[in-house]
N, C-alpha and C. Protein backbone atom coordinates (compact mmCIF):
# COMPACT_ATOMS: atom_id res chain seq x y z
N UNK A 1 74.40 -139.66 -184.86
CA UNK A 1 73.25 -138.79 -184.68
C UNK A 1 71.96 -139.62 -184.68
N UNK A 2 71.84 -140.51 -185.64
CA UNK A 2 70.62 -141.30 -185.73
C UNK A 2 70.44 -142.18 -184.49
N UNK A 3 71.53 -142.70 -183.99
CA UNK A 3 71.46 -143.58 -182.83
C UNK A 3 70.93 -142.85 -181.60
N UNK A 4 71.21 -141.56 -181.48
CA UNK A 4 70.83 -140.79 -180.30
C UNK A 4 69.63 -139.86 -180.54
N UNK A 5 68.96 -140.05 -181.65
CA UNK A 5 67.82 -139.19 -182.00
C UNK A 5 66.80 -139.11 -180.87
N UNK A 6 66.52 -140.21 -180.21
CA UNK A 6 65.53 -140.23 -179.13
C UNK A 6 65.97 -139.50 -177.87
N UNK A 7 67.25 -139.18 -177.78
CA UNK A 7 67.77 -138.48 -176.60
C UNK A 7 67.46 -136.99 -176.62
N UNK A 8 67.05 -136.48 -177.78
CA UNK A 8 66.87 -135.03 -177.94
C UNK A 8 65.44 -134.71 -178.38
N UNK A 9 64.92 -133.61 -177.85
CA UNK A 9 63.59 -133.16 -178.26
C UNK A 9 63.64 -132.42 -179.58
N UNK A 10 64.81 -131.86 -179.91
CA UNK A 10 65.01 -131.16 -181.19
C UNK A 10 66.47 -131.27 -181.57
N UNK A 11 66.71 -131.44 -182.88
CA UNK A 11 68.08 -131.47 -183.40
C UNK A 11 68.14 -130.50 -184.58
N UNK A 12 69.04 -129.53 -184.48
CA UNK A 12 69.22 -128.54 -185.55
C UNK A 12 70.62 -128.68 -186.11
N UNK A 13 70.71 -128.75 -187.43
CA UNK A 13 71.99 -128.85 -188.12
C UNK A 13 72.18 -127.55 -188.87
N UNK A 14 73.18 -126.76 -188.49
CA UNK A 14 73.41 -125.43 -189.07
C UNK A 14 74.72 -125.40 -189.84
N UNK A 15 74.68 -124.84 -191.04
CA UNK A 15 75.88 -124.71 -191.87
C UNK A 15 76.64 -123.47 -191.42
N UNK A 16 77.76 -123.67 -190.74
CA UNK A 16 78.54 -122.57 -190.18
C UNK A 16 79.73 -122.17 -191.06
N UNK A 17 79.69 -122.53 -192.34
CA UNK A 17 80.79 -122.23 -193.27
C UNK A 17 81.14 -120.75 -193.28
N UNK A 18 80.11 -119.90 -193.25
CA UNK A 18 80.29 -118.45 -193.15
C UNK A 18 79.03 -117.89 -192.51
N UNK A 19 79.06 -116.61 -192.17
CA UNK A 19 77.92 -116.03 -191.45
C UNK A 19 76.64 -116.06 -192.27
N UNK A 20 76.74 -115.82 -193.56
CA UNK A 20 75.53 -115.83 -194.40
C UNK A 20 74.90 -117.21 -194.39
N UNK A 21 75.70 -118.24 -194.59
CA UNK A 21 75.18 -119.62 -194.56
C UNK A 21 74.58 -119.95 -193.21
N UNK A 22 75.22 -119.51 -192.15
CA UNK A 22 74.71 -119.79 -190.81
C UNK A 22 73.37 -119.10 -190.58
N UNK A 23 73.27 -117.85 -190.97
CA UNK A 23 72.01 -117.12 -190.78
C UNK A 23 70.90 -117.74 -191.63
N UNK A 24 71.22 -118.20 -192.84
CA UNK A 24 70.23 -118.89 -193.67
C UNK A 24 69.82 -120.21 -193.03
N UNK A 25 70.76 -120.89 -192.39
CA UNK A 25 70.43 -122.13 -191.69
C UNK A 25 69.49 -121.87 -190.51
N UNK A 26 69.69 -120.75 -189.83
CA UNK A 26 68.76 -120.38 -188.75
C UNK A 26 67.36 -120.17 -189.32
N UNK A 27 67.27 -119.61 -190.52
CA UNK A 27 65.96 -119.41 -191.15
C UNK A 27 65.30 -120.76 -191.44
N UNK A 28 66.07 -121.72 -191.95
CA UNK A 28 65.53 -123.06 -192.18
C UNK A 28 65.11 -123.71 -190.87
N UNK A 29 65.90 -123.50 -189.82
CA UNK A 29 65.55 -124.03 -188.51
C UNK A 29 64.24 -123.43 -188.01
N UNK A 30 64.05 -122.14 -188.24
CA UNK A 30 62.80 -121.47 -187.83
C UNK A 30 61.60 -122.10 -188.53
N UNK A 31 61.75 -122.41 -189.80
CA UNK A 31 60.66 -123.07 -190.54
C UNK A 31 60.33 -124.42 -189.91
N UNK A 32 61.37 -125.16 -189.56
CA UNK A 32 61.17 -126.47 -188.92
C UNK A 32 60.48 -126.32 -187.57
N UNK A 33 60.90 -125.33 -186.81
CA UNK A 33 60.29 -125.08 -185.50
C UNK A 33 58.81 -124.79 -185.67
N UNK A 34 58.47 -123.98 -186.66
CA UNK A 34 57.06 -123.63 -186.88
C UNK A 34 56.24 -124.83 -187.35
N UNK A 35 56.84 -125.75 -188.09
CA UNK A 35 56.12 -126.96 -188.48
C UNK A 35 55.76 -127.79 -187.25
N UNK A 36 56.69 -127.87 -186.30
CA UNK A 36 56.49 -128.66 -185.09
C UNK A 36 55.70 -127.91 -184.01
N UNK A 37 55.89 -126.58 -183.97
CA UNK A 37 55.28 -125.74 -182.93
C UNK A 37 54.71 -124.47 -183.59
N UNK A 38 53.59 -124.58 -184.28
CA UNK A 38 53.06 -123.46 -185.07
C UNK A 38 52.59 -122.25 -184.26
N UNK A 39 52.51 -122.36 -182.95
CA UNK A 39 52.01 -121.25 -182.14
C UNK A 39 53.10 -120.38 -181.52
N UNK A 40 54.35 -120.59 -181.89
CA UNK A 40 55.45 -119.80 -181.33
C UNK A 40 55.46 -118.45 -182.06
N UNK A 41 54.80 -117.46 -181.44
CA UNK A 41 54.54 -116.17 -182.10
C UNK A 41 55.80 -115.43 -182.50
N UNK A 42 56.82 -115.40 -181.66
CA UNK A 42 58.02 -114.62 -181.99
C UNK A 42 58.78 -115.24 -183.17
N UNK A 43 58.70 -116.55 -183.34
CA UNK A 43 59.32 -117.18 -184.52
C UNK A 43 58.47 -116.87 -185.75
N UNK A 44 57.15 -116.92 -185.61
CA UNK A 44 56.26 -116.55 -186.72
C UNK A 44 56.53 -115.13 -187.18
N UNK A 45 56.61 -114.19 -186.23
CA UNK A 45 56.84 -112.78 -186.58
C UNK A 45 58.17 -112.59 -187.30
N UNK A 46 59.20 -113.25 -186.84
CA UNK A 46 60.52 -113.13 -187.48
C UNK A 46 60.46 -113.65 -188.92
N UNK A 47 59.76 -114.74 -189.13
CA UNK A 47 59.65 -115.29 -190.49
C UNK A 47 58.83 -114.38 -191.39
N UNK A 48 57.77 -113.80 -190.86
CA UNK A 48 56.95 -112.87 -191.65
C UNK A 48 57.77 -111.65 -192.05
N UNK A 49 58.59 -111.15 -191.13
CA UNK A 49 59.42 -109.97 -191.41
C UNK A 49 60.58 -110.27 -192.35
N UNK A 50 60.89 -111.54 -192.56
CA UNK A 50 61.97 -111.98 -193.46
C UNK A 50 63.30 -111.29 -193.15
N UNK A 51 63.58 -111.14 -191.86
CA UNK A 51 64.83 -110.53 -191.40
C UNK A 51 65.69 -111.64 -190.80
N UNK A 52 66.85 -111.91 -191.42
CA UNK A 52 67.69 -113.02 -190.96
C UNK A 52 68.20 -112.81 -189.54
N UNK A 53 68.51 -111.57 -189.18
CA UNK A 53 68.98 -111.31 -187.81
C UNK A 53 67.87 -111.58 -186.80
N UNK A 54 66.67 -111.11 -187.10
CA UNK A 54 65.53 -111.34 -186.21
C UNK A 54 65.21 -112.83 -186.11
N UNK A 55 65.30 -113.53 -187.23
CA UNK A 55 65.03 -114.96 -187.24
C UNK A 55 66.07 -115.71 -186.41
N UNK A 56 67.34 -115.33 -186.56
CA UNK A 56 68.40 -115.94 -185.77
C UNK A 56 68.13 -115.76 -184.28
N UNK A 57 67.78 -114.54 -183.88
CA UNK A 57 67.49 -114.27 -182.47
C UNK A 57 66.27 -115.05 -181.99
N UNK A 58 65.26 -115.21 -182.86
CA UNK A 58 64.06 -115.95 -182.48
C UNK A 58 64.38 -117.43 -182.23
N UNK A 59 65.20 -118.02 -183.09
CA UNK A 59 65.58 -119.42 -182.90
C UNK A 59 66.39 -119.57 -181.61
N UNK A 60 67.32 -118.66 -181.37
CA UNK A 60 68.10 -118.71 -180.13
C UNK A 60 67.18 -118.57 -178.92
N UNK A 61 66.19 -117.69 -179.01
CA UNK A 61 65.24 -117.51 -177.91
C UNK A 61 64.46 -118.81 -177.66
N UNK A 62 64.06 -119.47 -178.74
CA UNK A 62 63.33 -120.73 -178.61
C UNK A 62 64.20 -121.78 -177.91
N UNK A 63 65.48 -121.83 -178.27
CA UNK A 63 66.39 -122.76 -177.62
C UNK A 63 66.60 -122.42 -176.14
N UNK A 64 66.49 -121.14 -175.80
CA UNK A 64 66.69 -120.69 -174.42
C UNK A 64 65.51 -121.00 -173.50
N UNK A 65 64.35 -121.32 -174.07
CA UNK A 65 63.17 -121.56 -173.23
C UNK A 65 63.42 -122.70 -172.25
N UNK A 66 63.01 -122.49 -171.00
CA UNK A 66 63.28 -123.45 -169.93
C UNK A 66 62.69 -124.83 -170.21
N UNK A 67 61.51 -124.86 -170.78
CA UNK A 67 60.86 -126.16 -171.03
C UNK A 67 61.46 -126.88 -172.24
N UNK A 68 62.28 -126.20 -172.99
CA UNK A 68 62.93 -126.76 -174.18
C UNK A 68 64.38 -127.06 -173.82
N UNK A 69 64.60 -128.15 -173.09
CA UNK A 69 65.92 -128.36 -172.49
C UNK A 69 66.68 -129.58 -173.00
N UNK A 70 66.19 -130.26 -174.02
CA UNK A 70 66.88 -131.45 -174.51
C UNK A 70 67.21 -131.35 -176.00
N UNK A 71 67.68 -130.21 -176.43
CA UNK A 71 68.00 -130.02 -177.84
C UNK A 71 69.48 -130.24 -178.12
N UNK A 72 69.77 -130.46 -179.39
CA UNK A 72 71.14 -130.57 -179.88
C UNK A 72 71.26 -129.65 -181.10
N UNK A 73 72.27 -128.79 -181.09
CA UNK A 73 72.55 -127.94 -182.25
C UNK A 73 73.95 -128.29 -182.74
N UNK A 74 74.05 -128.61 -184.04
CA UNK A 74 75.34 -128.88 -184.67
C UNK A 74 75.69 -127.69 -185.55
N UNK A 75 76.80 -127.05 -185.24
CA UNK A 75 77.35 -125.97 -186.08
C UNK A 75 78.40 -126.64 -186.95
N UNK A 76 78.07 -126.89 -188.20
CA UNK A 76 78.90 -127.69 -189.09
C UNK A 76 79.81 -126.81 -189.96
N UNK A 77 81.04 -127.23 -190.15
CA UNK A 77 82.01 -126.56 -191.04
C UNK A 77 82.47 -125.20 -190.55
N UNK A 78 82.66 -125.03 -189.26
CA UNK A 78 83.18 -123.76 -188.74
C UNK A 78 84.70 -123.76 -188.88
N UNK A 79 85.16 -123.44 -190.07
CA UNK A 79 86.58 -123.52 -190.38
C UNK A 79 87.28 -122.17 -190.42
N UNK A 80 86.56 -121.08 -190.64
CA UNK A 80 87.14 -119.73 -190.69
C UNK A 80 86.90 -119.06 -189.35
N UNK A 81 87.82 -119.28 -188.44
CA UNK A 81 87.66 -118.93 -187.03
C UNK A 81 88.17 -117.53 -186.73
N UNK A 82 87.41 -116.79 -185.94
CA UNK A 82 87.88 -115.53 -185.38
C UNK A 82 87.14 -115.32 -184.07
N UNK A 83 87.89 -115.07 -183.00
CA UNK A 83 87.28 -114.78 -181.72
C UNK A 83 87.50 -113.31 -181.41
N UNK A 84 86.49 -112.49 -181.65
CA UNK A 84 86.56 -111.04 -181.48
C UNK A 84 86.90 -110.65 -180.06
N UNK A 85 87.91 -109.78 -179.94
CA UNK A 85 88.24 -109.19 -178.65
C UNK A 85 88.76 -110.15 -177.61
N UNK A 86 89.02 -111.38 -178.00
CA UNK A 86 89.46 -112.36 -177.04
C UNK A 86 90.89 -112.85 -177.34
N UNK A 87 91.51 -112.27 -178.39
CA UNK A 87 92.87 -112.68 -178.73
C UNK A 87 92.96 -114.14 -179.11
N UNK A 88 92.05 -114.59 -179.99
CA UNK A 88 92.04 -115.98 -180.42
C UNK A 88 93.35 -116.40 -181.04
N UNK A 89 93.53 -117.68 -181.18
CA UNK A 89 94.81 -118.22 -181.66
C UNK A 89 95.16 -117.70 -183.04
N UNK A 90 94.18 -117.53 -183.92
CA UNK A 90 94.48 -117.04 -185.26
C UNK A 90 95.09 -115.65 -185.21
N UNK A 91 94.53 -114.75 -184.37
CA UNK A 91 95.06 -113.40 -184.26
C UNK A 91 96.43 -113.40 -183.62
N UNK A 92 96.65 -114.24 -182.62
CA UNK A 92 97.96 -114.31 -181.96
C UNK A 92 99.03 -114.76 -182.94
N UNK A 93 98.73 -115.78 -183.71
CA UNK A 93 99.70 -116.27 -184.70
C UNK A 93 99.99 -115.21 -185.74
N UNK A 94 98.96 -114.47 -186.14
CA UNK A 94 99.15 -113.41 -187.13
C UNK A 94 100.03 -112.30 -186.57
N UNK A 95 99.81 -111.90 -185.31
CA UNK A 95 100.65 -110.87 -184.69
C UNK A 95 102.10 -111.31 -184.60
N UNK A 96 102.34 -112.56 -184.23
CA UNK A 96 103.71 -113.08 -184.15
C UNK A 96 104.36 -113.07 -185.53
N UNK A 97 103.62 -113.49 -186.55
CA UNK A 97 104.16 -113.49 -187.91
C UNK A 97 104.48 -112.07 -188.37
N UNK A 98 103.62 -111.10 -188.01
CA UNK A 98 103.88 -109.70 -188.36
C UNK A 98 105.14 -109.20 -187.66
N UNK A 99 105.25 -109.49 -186.36
CA UNK A 99 106.40 -109.01 -185.58
C UNK A 99 107.71 -109.61 -186.07
N UNK A 100 107.67 -110.84 -186.55
CA UNK A 100 108.90 -111.49 -187.03
C UNK A 100 109.24 -111.09 -188.45
N UNK A 101 108.32 -110.37 -189.12
CA UNK A 101 108.56 -109.95 -190.49
C UNK A 101 108.14 -110.99 -191.51
N UNK A 102 107.57 -112.11 -191.07
CA UNK A 102 107.15 -113.16 -192.00
C UNK A 102 105.96 -112.71 -192.83
N UNK A 103 105.15 -111.83 -192.28
CA UNK A 103 103.97 -111.31 -192.97
C UNK A 103 103.93 -109.82 -192.71
N UNK A 104 103.67 -109.05 -193.76
CA UNK A 104 103.57 -107.60 -193.55
C UNK A 104 102.22 -107.26 -192.95
N UNK A 105 102.18 -106.19 -192.19
CA UNK A 105 100.94 -105.76 -191.56
C UNK A 105 99.88 -105.47 -192.61
N UNK A 106 100.28 -104.84 -193.72
CA UNK A 106 99.33 -104.51 -194.78
C UNK A 106 98.76 -105.79 -195.40
N UNK A 107 99.62 -106.77 -195.65
CA UNK A 107 99.16 -108.04 -196.22
C UNK A 107 98.18 -108.73 -195.28
N UNK A 108 98.52 -108.77 -194.00
CA UNK A 108 97.65 -109.46 -193.04
C UNK A 108 96.31 -108.74 -192.90
N UNK A 109 96.31 -107.41 -192.98
CA UNK A 109 95.05 -106.67 -192.90
C UNK A 109 94.18 -106.97 -194.11
N UNK A 110 94.80 -107.05 -195.29
CA UNK A 110 94.05 -107.38 -196.51
C UNK A 110 93.47 -108.78 -196.41
N UNK A 111 94.30 -109.73 -195.95
CA UNK A 111 93.81 -111.10 -195.80
C UNK A 111 92.68 -111.17 -194.80
N UNK A 112 92.79 -110.43 -193.71
CA UNK A 112 91.73 -110.43 -192.70
C UNK A 112 90.44 -109.86 -193.26
N UNK A 113 90.56 -108.79 -194.06
CA UNK A 113 89.37 -108.17 -194.64
C UNK A 113 88.70 -109.11 -195.64
N UNK A 114 89.51 -109.87 -196.39
CA UNK A 114 88.96 -110.78 -197.39
C UNK A 114 88.42 -112.07 -196.78
N UNK A 115 88.80 -112.36 -195.56
CA UNK A 115 88.45 -113.61 -194.91
C UNK A 115 86.96 -113.66 -194.58
N UNK A 116 86.44 -114.88 -194.53
CA UNK A 116 85.07 -115.10 -194.10
C UNK A 116 85.01 -115.39 -192.62
N UNK A 117 86.11 -115.20 -191.93
CA UNK A 117 86.19 -115.55 -190.51
C UNK A 117 85.21 -114.73 -189.67
N UNK A 118 84.64 -115.38 -188.67
CA UNK A 118 83.72 -114.71 -187.74
C UNK A 118 83.74 -115.45 -186.41
N UNK A 119 83.22 -114.79 -185.39
CA UNK A 119 83.14 -115.36 -184.05
C UNK A 119 81.80 -116.06 -183.89
N UNK A 120 81.83 -117.37 -183.82
CA UNK A 120 80.61 -118.18 -183.78
C UNK A 120 79.85 -118.03 -182.46
N UNK A 121 80.54 -117.64 -181.41
CA UNK A 121 79.92 -117.62 -180.08
C UNK A 121 78.70 -116.72 -180.01
N UNK A 122 78.63 -115.69 -180.83
CA UNK A 122 77.45 -114.82 -180.77
C UNK A 122 76.20 -115.50 -181.33
N UNK A 123 76.38 -116.65 -181.96
CA UNK A 123 75.26 -117.42 -182.50
C UNK A 123 74.83 -118.56 -181.57
N UNK A 124 75.45 -118.64 -180.40
CA UNK A 124 75.08 -119.66 -179.43
C UNK A 124 73.89 -119.18 -178.60
N UNK A 125 73.02 -120.10 -178.20
CA UNK A 125 71.98 -119.75 -177.23
C UNK A 125 72.64 -119.32 -175.92
N UNK A 126 71.93 -118.52 -175.13
CA UNK A 126 72.47 -118.00 -173.86
C UNK A 126 72.31 -118.99 -172.71
N UNK A 127 71.50 -119.98 -172.87
CA UNK A 127 71.11 -120.88 -171.80
C UNK A 127 72.21 -121.86 -171.39
N UNK A 128 71.98 -122.52 -170.26
CA UNK A 128 72.93 -123.54 -169.80
C UNK A 128 72.39 -124.95 -170.03
N UNK A 129 71.31 -125.08 -170.79
CA UNK A 129 70.79 -126.41 -171.09
C UNK A 129 70.91 -126.68 -172.59
N UNK A 130 70.73 -127.94 -172.97
CA UNK A 130 70.90 -128.32 -174.37
C UNK A 130 72.34 -128.71 -174.64
N UNK A 131 72.62 -129.07 -175.89
CA UNK A 131 73.97 -129.50 -176.26
C UNK A 131 74.37 -128.87 -177.59
N UNK A 132 75.64 -128.52 -177.69
CA UNK A 132 76.19 -127.91 -178.91
C UNK A 132 77.37 -128.75 -179.37
N UNK A 133 77.40 -129.03 -180.67
CA UNK A 133 78.54 -129.68 -181.32
C UNK A 133 79.02 -128.74 -182.41
N UNK A 134 80.34 -128.53 -182.47
CA UNK A 134 80.94 -127.72 -183.53
C UNK A 134 81.86 -128.63 -184.32
N UNK A 135 81.65 -128.71 -185.64
CA UNK A 135 82.59 -129.45 -186.47
C UNK A 135 83.48 -128.43 -187.17
N UNK A 136 84.78 -128.73 -187.22
CA UNK A 136 85.74 -127.81 -187.81
C UNK A 136 86.98 -128.57 -188.25
N UNK A 137 87.69 -128.00 -189.20
CA UNK A 137 89.00 -128.52 -189.57
C UNK A 137 90.10 -127.67 -188.95
N UNK A 138 89.72 -126.60 -188.27
CA UNK A 138 90.68 -125.69 -187.66
C UNK A 138 91.18 -126.24 -186.33
N UNK A 139 92.48 -126.21 -186.15
CA UNK A 139 93.05 -126.67 -184.88
C UNK A 139 93.03 -125.57 -183.83
N UNK A 140 92.58 -124.37 -184.19
CA UNK A 140 92.58 -123.25 -183.25
C UNK A 140 91.30 -123.14 -182.44
N UNK A 141 90.26 -123.86 -182.80
CA UNK A 141 89.01 -123.79 -182.05
C UNK A 141 89.18 -124.56 -180.75
N UNK A 142 89.04 -123.85 -179.65
CA UNK A 142 89.20 -124.47 -178.33
C UNK A 142 88.00 -124.10 -177.47
N UNK A 143 86.83 -124.58 -177.86
CA UNK A 143 85.60 -124.35 -177.11
C UNK A 143 85.09 -125.69 -176.61
N UNK A 144 84.92 -125.83 -175.32
CA UNK A 144 84.38 -127.06 -174.77
C UNK A 144 85.33 -128.23 -174.90
N UNK A 145 84.77 -129.43 -174.92
CA UNK A 145 85.55 -130.66 -174.98
C UNK A 145 85.91 -130.97 -176.43
N UNK A 146 87.18 -131.16 -176.71
CA UNK A 146 87.67 -131.43 -178.06
C UNK A 146 87.69 -132.93 -178.31
N UNK A 147 87.10 -133.34 -179.44
CA UNK A 147 87.13 -134.74 -179.86
C UNK A 147 87.73 -134.77 -181.26
N UNK A 148 88.94 -135.29 -181.38
CA UNK A 148 89.61 -135.36 -182.69
C UNK A 148 89.15 -136.60 -183.43
N UNK A 149 88.87 -136.42 -184.70
CA UNK A 149 88.46 -137.56 -185.55
C UNK A 149 89.46 -137.76 -186.65
């Protein structure tokens, strides 16, 4: 990261351990954005309102701006994976285990409810510029180019 610092106009490191941590990281990112760019009104408004959802959307909007095209966002520790409505690998494996009798449907529903799993894609900027890195210990995440370490 340090070696390539000059390649990016902004670098955001977000804790993706769970949704609460991620949303709090977006709030910290908003503070950083305001230190560097104090006139970004929609980020200012989100911070004044102290609404984590609004702040998350404001940071994503800032990343989407056309003139802001050389950023890097690292979503760190995305280990509790769930891809809503897309039949992600975790759900497929769970269905197979249920069908084979290895796991009861009731048990799997309880585990799913207790899980911190979430779909990270809704926290991505909508734009086609910039760069995203996701760090995970999960072998089921199959987004973009995979680099095993």
